[in-house]
Amino acid sequence: MEWKNKADVVIIGGGIIGSATAYNLAKLGRSDVVVLERGTVCCGSTGRCGAGIRAQWGTEMNCRLGIAALDIFEQLDEELGMQVGLNQGGYLLVAYTEREFKNLKKSMELQHRLGIKTKTVSLAEAREICPALDASDAVGFTYHARDGHADPFLTTFAFVEAAKMLGVSYFRHAECTGVTVRNGRAVGVDTTLGHIDADIVINCAGPYAQVVASMAGVELPNWGDRHEIMITEPVAPGVCPSMLMSFSGNYYIQQRPNGSIICGMSPAGHPQDFKLGTTWRFMTEMSRVLNKLLPVTRGIRVVRQWSGLYDMTPDGSPIIGETDVKNFYHSTGYSGHGFMLGPIAGRILAQSLIGNKPDIDFSMLDYRRFARGELIVEPNIT
C-alpha cells in the first residue's frame, strides 16, 4: 500500500482497541482513517491475551462497558461478516474467603441493578457447570451464563477487514517515533515509514501508550505489566466449558472448543517492563493449580507458554478521551481487559469523535482523574 501523507484520523496501534475504533469511525462516515502498527496486526497484547469476556465487574462503569461489549460480541459475526469464535460458557468466579465471597455478592447486587443476571451457585451446581471441578475448599461461587471467550485473532482480523472495506488504511511495521504538536494541538505523527499529517491522533498503543503520550508532552500513569500464560494439548470436551477464575486464587482457566486448556495467573512481583520472556516457575505453579482444580488434567502435556503485557492504570480502569493537547485522544489502560471491552470502547469513542452522544458516557474515564484523586477502583481484577 502506498504511503499516505495526510489523513483525517491517525490511530496508533493495530490491536483490538485501535481496529475497533477505526471500524466504528468508518461505519459512522469518517473513513479517511489510517491505522499505524509497529509490528503486524494483533501481534501485541491482543494476540497474547486469554480472550475472556465478562460482565461480572465491581464498578458501575466497567459493568456497563462489560455488558455492552457482550451485546456487541453476540452479533459481531453478522455485523462484520466473519466468524469471531465466540463461545459463551459463562464465567464461574471462585471465592476462597468469606470476605471475598461477600465482595462478589456486593458486586452482584450492582450487576443486578444494571440488568446483569449473575447468580450465586452451590458447589454441586458449580460442578454441573464445570464437571471436572475440584473446589471443595472454596467458600462460594458466582456465575453469569452470558460471559465467555472469543478468538482474539479472528475478532481483530474481522474488524480490520471490515474497516478496510469501508476505506480505512492500515500500515504495518510503521512504528510511531513522534507526535507533532503545534500551538497546543496534535497535527501529525512521525513513523519509521515517514510523516503523516492528521487532524486527530488517537493513542491506542496498549502498554506502550505512556511512551507515545510522552512524545506529545502528555504524562500518563500507565505501565506495562508482564503476565504469562500457557496452553495444553486437547483433552476431552466438557472438562470445564466455563471460564474458571478466582481473584484470591490468582488464576483463570478456560477450555477451548478444540479441547485445549488455556490458563494463566498474575506474576509474583508483577514485572513492570516490556520484556516478553517466560519462566519455569510460572509453568510449575500454573500446572499445580490446574491439576488441583481439574484433577483430570494430571499428566497432560503443555504445548506452549508465552507472555503478554497488561496496560495498567493505578485504579485498574481505562483511560478514554482527549488530553490537554487538543485533538490528541487516548483509548488505553484497560488493565488486562482490552480485548473484552474493545468493541464497545471503539464504538463510544467513535461516536464522540463525530459529535454523537456515545452509548455510554465515558467522561469520568479521562486521564485527569488521577491528578484530581478521583480514582475508579475496580475490585474484580487480579
Protein backbone atom coordinates (compact mmCIF):
# COMPACT_ATOMS: atom_id res chain seq x y z
CA MET A 1 0.00 0.00 0.00
CA GLU A 2 1.30 3.44 -0.94
CA TRP A 3 2.10 5.69 2.00
CA LYS A 4 -0.38 8.48 2.77
CA ASN A 5 0.89 11.90 3.79
CA LYS A 6 -2.43 13.13 5.19
CA ALA A 7 -5.47 11.66 6.96
CA ASP A 8 -8.42 12.91 8.95
CA VAL A 9 -7.62 10.49 11.78
CA VAL A 10 -4.44 8.61 12.60
CA ILE A 11 -4.71 5.75 15.10
CA ILE A 12 -1.54 4.47 16.74
CA GLY A 13 -1.91 0.75 17.46
CA GLY A 14 -3.46 -2.06 15.41
CA GLY A 15 -4.79 -4.27 18.17
CA ILE A 16 -8.44 -4.71 19.11
CA ILE A 17 -8.83 -1.16 20.51
CA GLY A 18 -7.33 0.60 17.50
CA SER A 19 -9.05 -1.64 14.97
CA ALA A 20 -12.48 -1.40 16.61
CA THR A 21 -12.13 2.38 16.81
CA ALA A 22 -11.14 2.59 13.14
CA TYR A 23 -14.04 0.40 12.05
CA ASN A 24 -16.60 2.37 14.04
CA LEU A 25 -15.32 5.70 12.75
CA ALA A 26 -15.61 4.46 9.17
CA LYS A 27 -19.03 2.97 9.84
CA LEU A 28 -20.18 6.37 11.05
CA GLY A 29 -18.90 8.04 7.90
CA ARG A 30 -15.38 9.14 8.79
CA SER A 31 -13.42 6.80 6.54
CA ASP A 32 -10.22 8.81 5.94
CA VAL A 33 -8.58 6.91 8.77
CA VAL A 34 -5.06 5.49 8.97
CA VAL A 35 -4.03 2.82 11.47
CA LEU A 36 -0.33 2.55 12.30
CA GLU A 37 1.01 -0.70 13.75
CA ARG A 38 4.62 -1.08 14.87
CA GLY A 39 4.55 -4.79 14.02
CA THR A 40 1.74 -6.77 12.47
CA VAL A 41 -1.93 -6.55 13.35
CA CYS A 42 -2.70 -8.38 16.60
CA CYS A 43 0.99 -9.02 17.36
CA GLY A 44 0.89 -7.23 20.71
CA SER A 45 -1.22 -7.62 23.82
CA THR A 46 -4.38 -8.55 21.90
CA GLY A 47 -2.75 -11.57 20.29
CA ARG A 48 -1.28 -12.69 23.61
CA CYS A 49 -4.36 -12.43 25.81
CA GLY A 50 -6.60 -15.04 27.43
CA ALA A 51 -9.55 -13.66 25.43
CA GLY A 52 -12.14 -13.75 28.22
CA ILE A 53 -15.33 -11.66 28.04
CA ARG A 54 -17.32 -10.90 31.17
CA ALA A 55 -19.88 -8.59 32.72
CA GLN A 56 -19.04 -9.53 36.34
CA TRP A 57 -17.38 -6.32 37.47
CA GLY A 58 -17.31 -4.30 40.66
CA THR A 59 -17.72 -0.74 39.33
CA GLU A 60 -20.74 0.60 37.51
CA MET A 61 -18.63 1.87 34.62
CA ASN A 62 -16.97 -1.48 33.97
CA CYS A 63 -20.30 -3.30 34.35
CA ARG A 64 -21.85 -1.02 31.74
CA LEU A 65 -18.90 -1.49 29.42
CA GLY A 66 -18.84 -5.24 30.02
CA ILE A 67 -22.49 -5.96 29.28
CA ALA A 68 -22.47 -3.61 26.28
CA ALA A 69 -19.43 -5.44 24.92
CA LEU A 70 -21.27 -8.75 25.33
CA ASP A 71 -24.23 -7.33 23.42
CA ILE A 72 -21.88 -6.46 20.56
CA PHE A 73 -19.97 -9.75 20.61
CA GLU A 74 -23.22 -11.70 20.33
CA GLN A 75 -23.98 -10.17 16.92
CA LEU A 76 -20.44 -9.47 15.70
CA ASP A 77 -20.28 -12.40 13.25
CA GLU A 78 -23.24 -10.97 11.38
CA GLU A 79 -22.10 -7.36 11.56
CA LEU A 80 -18.53 -7.94 10.39
CA GLY A 81 -19.25 -10.85 8.07
CA MET A 82 -16.60 -13.08 9.65
CA GLN A 83 -16.51 -15.57 12.49
CA VAL A 84 -15.03 -14.24 15.76
CA GLY A 85 -15.04 -17.55 17.67
CA LEU A 86 -17.46 -16.52 20.41
CA ASN A 87 -18.06 -19.25 22.99
CA GLN A 88 -20.41 -18.40 25.87
CA GLY A 89 -19.80 -20.99 28.53
CA GLY A 90 -20.11 -18.39 31.28
CA TYR A 91 -17.68 -17.21 33.95
CA LEU A 92 -17.54 -19.17 37.19
CA LEU A 93 -15.90 -16.99 39.86
CA VAL A 94 -14.45 -18.83 42.84
CA ALA A 95 -14.10 -17.24 46.31
CA TYR A 96 -11.80 -18.76 48.91
CA THR A 97 -12.58 -16.45 51.84
CA GLU A 98 -15.80 -15.17 53.35
CA ARG A 99 -14.64 -11.61 52.73
CA GLU A 100 -14.05 -12.31 49.06
CA PHE A 101 -17.43 -14.01 48.67
CA LYS A 102 -19.09 -11.05 50.39
CA ASN A 103 -17.40 -8.70 47.90
CA LEU A 104 -18.53 -10.84 44.96
CA LYS A 105 -22.12 -10.75 46.23
CA LYS A 106 -21.89 -6.98 46.71
CA SER A 107 -20.73 -6.69 43.09
CA MET A 108 -23.59 -8.96 42.09
CA GLU A 109 -26.10 -6.55 43.62
CA LEU A 110 -24.67 -3.80 41.42
CA GLN A 111 -24.80 -6.09 38.41
CA HIS A 112 -28.45 -6.91 39.06
CA ARG A 113 -29.33 -3.20 39.16
CA LEU A 114 -27.81 -2.93 35.69
CA GLY A 115 -29.67 -5.94 34.30
CA ILE A 116 -26.76 -8.40 34.52
CA LYS A 117 -28.16 -11.75 35.61
CA THR A 118 -25.33 -13.06 37.76
CA LYS A 119 -26.20 -15.63 40.40
CA THR A 120 -24.59 -17.46 43.29
CA VAL A 121 -24.25 -21.21 42.88
CA SER A 122 -23.52 -24.06 45.26
CA LEU A 123 -20.56 -26.42 44.95
CA ALA A 124 -22.86 -29.04 43.41
CA GLU A 125 -24.15 -26.50 40.89
CA ALA A 126 -20.58 -25.37 40.18
CA ARG A 127 -19.71 -28.96 39.30
CA GLU A 128 -22.64 -29.09 36.90
CA ILE A 129 -21.22 -26.01 35.19
CA CYS A 130 -17.66 -27.30 35.29
CA PRO A 131 -17.90 -31.13 35.58
CA ALA A 132 -14.22 -31.79 36.33
CA LEU A 133 -14.01 -29.16 39.08
CA ASP A 134 -12.49 -29.97 42.46
CA ALA A 135 -13.00 -26.87 44.60
CA SER A 136 -14.23 -28.23 47.90
CA ASP A 137 -12.03 -25.67 49.70
CA ALA A 138 -13.93 -22.77 48.12
CA VAL A 139 -16.33 -20.64 50.18
CA GLY A 140 -18.67 -19.73 47.34
CA PHE A 141 -19.20 -19.14 43.63
CA THR A 142 -20.91 -16.64 41.34
CA TYR A 143 -21.84 -17.32 37.73
CA HIS A 144 -23.01 -15.37 34.70
CA ALA A 145 -24.04 -17.54 31.77
CA ARG A 146 -23.53 -14.94 29.02
CA ASP A 147 -19.85 -14.49 29.83
CA GLY A 148 -17.31 -16.47 27.85
CA HIS A 149 -14.43 -16.03 25.45
CA ALA A 150 -13.73 -15.38 21.77
CA ASP A 151 -10.78 -15.73 19.43
CA PRO A 152 -8.64 -12.55 19.63
CA PHE A 153 -7.09 -13.08 16.20
CA LEU A 154 -10.36 -13.79 14.40
CA THR A 155 -12.07 -10.88 16.15
CA THR A 156 -9.34 -8.36 15.39
CA PHE A 157 -8.90 -9.55 11.80
CA ALA A 158 -12.68 -9.24 11.32
CA PHE A 159 -12.58 -5.62 12.49
CA VAL A 160 -9.57 -4.94 10.27
CA GLU A 161 -11.15 -6.38 7.12
CA ALA A 162 -14.46 -4.65 7.76
CA ALA A 163 -12.67 -1.34 8.34
CA LYS A 164 -10.63 -1.73 5.14
CA MET A 165 -13.82 -2.39 3.18
CA LEU A 166 -15.05 0.98 4.44
CA GLY A 167 -11.88 2.79 3.34
CA VAL A 168 -9.55 2.60 6.36
CA SER A 169 -5.83 2.25 5.55
CA TYR A 170 -3.52 0.01 7.58
CA PHE A 171 0.25 0.39 7.64
CA ARG A 172 2.21 -2.41 9.29
CA HIS A 173 5.78 -2.09 10.56
CA ALA A 174 5.10 1.63 10.97
CA GLU A 175 6.36 2.42 14.44
CA CYS A 176 5.40 5.80 15.86
CA THR A 177 8.56 7.82 16.59
CA GLY A 178 6.98 11.17 17.35
CA VAL A 179 3.75 13.14 17.67
CA THR A 180 3.83 16.61 16.12
CA VAL A 181 2.23 19.26 18.32
CA ARG A 182 1.71 22.81 17.09
CA ASN A 183 0.09 25.57 19.15
CA GLY A 184 -1.12 23.01 21.70
CA ARG A 185 -2.73 20.83 19.05
CA ALA A 186 -1.71 17.43 17.63
CA VAL A 187 -1.24 17.81 13.88
CA GLY A 188 0.68 14.74 12.77
CA VAL A 189 2.72 11.65 13.51
CA ASP A 190 6.28 10.65 12.64
CA THR A 191 6.87 6.98 11.90
CA THR A 192 9.58 4.68 10.63
CA LEU A 193 7.84 4.86 7.23
CA GLY A 194 7.56 8.64 7.13
CA HIS A 195 5.49 11.56 8.40
CA ILE A 196 1.72 11.82 8.16
CA ASP A 197 -0.37 14.92 8.87
CA ALA A 198 -3.56 14.36 10.83
CA ASP A 199 -6.50 16.34 12.12
CA ILE A 200 -6.92 13.88 15.01
CA VAL A 201 -4.41 11.49 16.59
CA ILE A 202 -5.62 8.60 18.76
CA ASN A 203 -3.26 6.71 21.04
CA CYS A 204 -4.29 3.02 21.18
CA ALA A 205 -0.78 1.73 21.80
CA GLY A 206 -1.64 -0.52 24.76
CA PRO A 207 1.29 -0.97 27.17
CA TYR A 208 3.31 1.48 25.07
CA ALA A 209 0.67 4.18 25.47
CA GLN A 210 2.67 6.14 28.02
CA VAL A 211 5.64 6.19 25.64
CA VAL A 212 3.53 7.53 22.79
CA ALA A 213 1.83 10.06 25.09
CA SER A 214 5.18 11.42 26.21
CA MET A 215 6.02 12.20 22.56
CA ALA A 216 3.30 14.85 22.72
CA GLY A 217 4.27 16.06 26.18
CA VAL A 218 1.43 14.20 27.92
CA GLU A 219 2.18 12.20 31.04
CA LEU A 220 0.11 9.07 31.64
CA PRO A 221 0.40 6.99 34.83
CA ASN A 222 0.18 3.73 32.83
CA TRP A 223 2.72 0.93 32.94
CA GLY A 224 3.24 -2.42 31.23
CA ASP A 225 2.67 -5.45 33.45
CA ARG A 226 4.03 -8.77 32.18
CA HIS A 227 1.77 -11.83 32.55
CA GLU A 228 2.46 -15.40 31.50
CA ILE A 229 0.02 -17.89 30.02
CA MET A 230 0.10 -21.45 28.71
CA ILE A 231 -1.98 -23.90 26.68
CA THR A 232 -2.24 -27.67 26.94
CA GLU A 233 -2.83 -30.42 24.44
CA PRO A 234 -6.53 -31.14 23.77
CA VAL A 235 -8.43 -33.20 26.33
CA ALA A 236 -12.00 -34.49 26.26
CA PRO A 237 -14.57 -31.73 25.62
CA GLY A 238 -16.69 -30.65 28.57
CA VAL A 239 -13.97 -30.77 31.22
CA CYS A 240 -14.72 -27.14 32.07
CA PRO A 241 -16.86 -25.31 29.49
CA SER A 242 -16.92 -22.11 31.57
CA MET A 243 -14.11 -19.68 32.29
CA LEU A 244 -12.94 -20.62 35.78
CA MET A 245 -11.48 -17.65 37.63
CA SER A 246 -10.52 -16.58 41.14
CA PHE A 247 -9.05 -13.30 42.33
CA SER A 248 -7.69 -14.65 45.61
CA GLY A 249 -6.77 -17.95 43.97
CA ASN A 250 -4.92 -15.98 41.30
CA TYR A 251 -5.91 -17.96 38.21
CA TYR A 252 -8.08 -18.09 35.14
CA ILE A 253 -8.68 -21.33 33.26
CA GLN A 254 -10.74 -21.99 30.14
CA GLN A 255 -11.21 -24.91 27.80
CA ARG A 256 -11.20 -24.04 24.13
CA PRO A 257 -13.70 -25.69 21.77
CA ASN A 258 -10.96 -27.99 20.43
CA GLY A 259 -10.33 -29.33 23.96
CA SER A 260 -7.12 -27.45 24.76
CA ILE A 261 -6.97 -25.64 28.09
CA ILE A 262 -5.62 -22.09 28.35
CA CYS A 263 -4.64 -20.88 31.78
CA GLY A 264 -2.81 -18.01 33.38
CA MET A 265 -2.08 -16.26 36.66
CA SER A 266 -0.74 -12.92 37.80
CA PRO A 267 3.04 -12.97 38.27
CA ALA A 268 4.82 -12.64 41.58
CA GLY A 269 6.07 -9.09 41.84
CA HIS A 270 4.24 -8.01 38.67
CA PRO A 271 7.28 -7.30 36.44
CA GLN A 272 6.86 -3.82 35.01
CA ASP A 273 8.84 -3.93 31.79
CA PHE A 274 8.43 -4.59 28.09
CA LYS A 275 10.08 -7.99 28.11
CA LEU A 276 8.09 -10.99 26.92
CA GLY A 277 10.05 -13.83 28.46
CA THR A 278 8.71 -17.00 30.07
CA THR A 279 9.72 -18.79 33.24
CA TRP A 280 9.85 -22.32 34.53
CA ARG A 281 8.44 -21.01 37.80
CA PHE A 282 5.20 -19.99 36.12
CA MET A 283 4.71 -23.30 34.35
CA THR A 284 5.36 -25.23 37.56
CA GLU A 285 2.97 -23.17 39.68
CA MET A 286 0.29 -22.93 37.00
CA SER A 287 0.41 -26.69 36.43
CA ARG A 288 0.00 -27.28 40.16
CA VAL A 289 -3.09 -25.04 40.29
CA LEU A 290 -4.57 -26.59 37.15
CA ASN A 291 -4.09 -30.16 38.43
CA LYS A 292 -5.66 -29.30 41.78
CA LEU A 293 -8.74 -27.65 40.30
CA LEU A 294 -9.19 -30.08 37.41
CA PRO A 295 -7.65 -33.41 38.50
CA VAL A 296 -8.38 -34.99 35.12
CA THR A 297 -5.63 -32.80 33.66
CA ARG A 298 -2.87 -34.60 35.56
CA GLY A 299 -0.35 -35.99 33.14
CA ILE A 300 -1.40 -33.97 30.09
CA ARG A 301 1.25 -32.07 28.18
CA VAL A 302 1.80 -28.35 27.92
CA VAL A 303 2.01 -27.37 24.25
CA ARG A 304 3.20 -23.80 24.58
CA GLN A 305 3.71 -20.95 27.02
CA TRP A 306 4.11 -17.26 26.33
CA SER A 307 3.70 -13.86 27.95
CA GLY A 308 1.94 -10.60 27.20
CA LEU A 309 1.63 -7.13 28.66
CA TYR A 310 -1.28 -5.68 30.59
CA ASP A 311 -1.63 -1.92 30.09
CA MET A 312 -2.21 -0.99 33.72
CA THR A 313 -3.55 2.15 35.39
CA PRO A 314 -3.45 2.99 39.11
CA ASP A 315 -7.16 2.17 39.56
CA GLY A 316 -7.49 -0.71 37.08
CA SER A 317 -9.93 1.28 34.92
CA PRO A 318 -9.27 2.55 31.38
CA ILE A 319 -8.42 5.99 30.06
CA ILE A 320 -10.65 7.26 27.24
CA GLY A 321 -10.84 10.77 25.86
CA GLU A 322 -8.98 13.89 24.79
CA THR A 323 -5.85 15.12 26.56
CA ASP A 324 -4.69 18.67 27.30
CA VAL A 325 -3.12 18.55 23.84
CA LYS A 326 -6.07 19.25 21.57
CA ASN A 327 -7.08 16.57 19.08
CA PHE A 328 -4.82 14.05 20.85
CA TYR A 329 -7.04 11.28 22.23
CA HIS A 330 -6.42 8.13 24.22
CA SER A 331 -8.10 4.77 24.50
CA THR A 332 -5.71 2.92 26.76
CA GLY A 333 -5.16 1.49 30.24
CA TYR A 334 -7.56 -1.43 30.02
CA SER A 335 -5.53 -3.28 32.65
CA GLY A 336 -5.66 -6.68 31.00
CA HIS A 337 -9.22 -6.38 29.69
CA GLY A 338 -8.80 -4.54 26.41
CA PHE A 339 -9.93 -7.46 24.28
CA MET A 340 -13.24 -7.94 26.09
CA LEU A 341 -14.02 -4.21 26.17
CA GLY A 342 -12.57 -3.34 22.75
CA PRO A 343 -15.80 -3.49 20.71
CA ILE A 344 -17.69 -1.09 22.97
CA ALA A 345 -14.65 1.14 23.59
CA GLY A 346 -14.19 1.57 19.86
CA ARG A 347 -17.86 2.37 19.38
CA ILE A 348 -18.24 5.02 22.09
CA LEU A 349 -15.03 6.87 21.24
CA ALA A 350 -16.00 6.94 17.55
CA GLN A 351 -19.48 8.21 18.42
CA SER A 352 -17.99 11.00 20.49
CA LEU A 353 -15.46 11.99 17.82
CA ILE A 354 -18.13 12.57 15.19
CA GLY A 355 -20.26 14.61 17.59
CA ASN A 356 -22.83 11.98 18.52
CA LYS A 357 -23.88 11.18 22.07
CA PRO A 358 -22.00 7.98 23.00
CA ASP A 359 -23.95 4.94 24.12
CA ILE A 360 -22.08 5.14 27.43
CA ASP A 361 -20.91 8.42 28.97
CA PHE A 362 -17.18 7.83 29.47
CA SER A 363 -16.27 11.34 30.65
CA MET A 364 -15.26 10.05 34.09
CA LEU A 365 -12.54 7.94 32.43
CA ASP A 366 -10.43 10.94 31.40
CA TYR A 367 -6.79 10.79 32.48
CA ARG A 368 -7.04 13.92 34.64
CA ARG A 369 -8.94 11.91 37.26
CA PHE A 370 -5.64 10.70 38.71
CA ALA A 371 -4.48 14.25 39.41
CA ARG A 372 -7.90 15.04 40.89
CA GLY A 373 -7.74 11.96 43.11
CA GLU A 374 -10.99 10.63 41.63
CA LEU A 375 -9.95 7.04 41.09
CA ILE A 376 -12.43 4.46 39.82
CA VAL A 377 -11.02 1.48 41.68
CA GLU A 378 -12.02 -1.84 40.13
CA PRO A 379 -12.02 -4.58 42.81
CA ASN A 380 -12.61 -7.51 40.47
CA ILE A 381 -9.18 -7.86 38.92
CA THR A 382 -6.03 -9.78 39.77
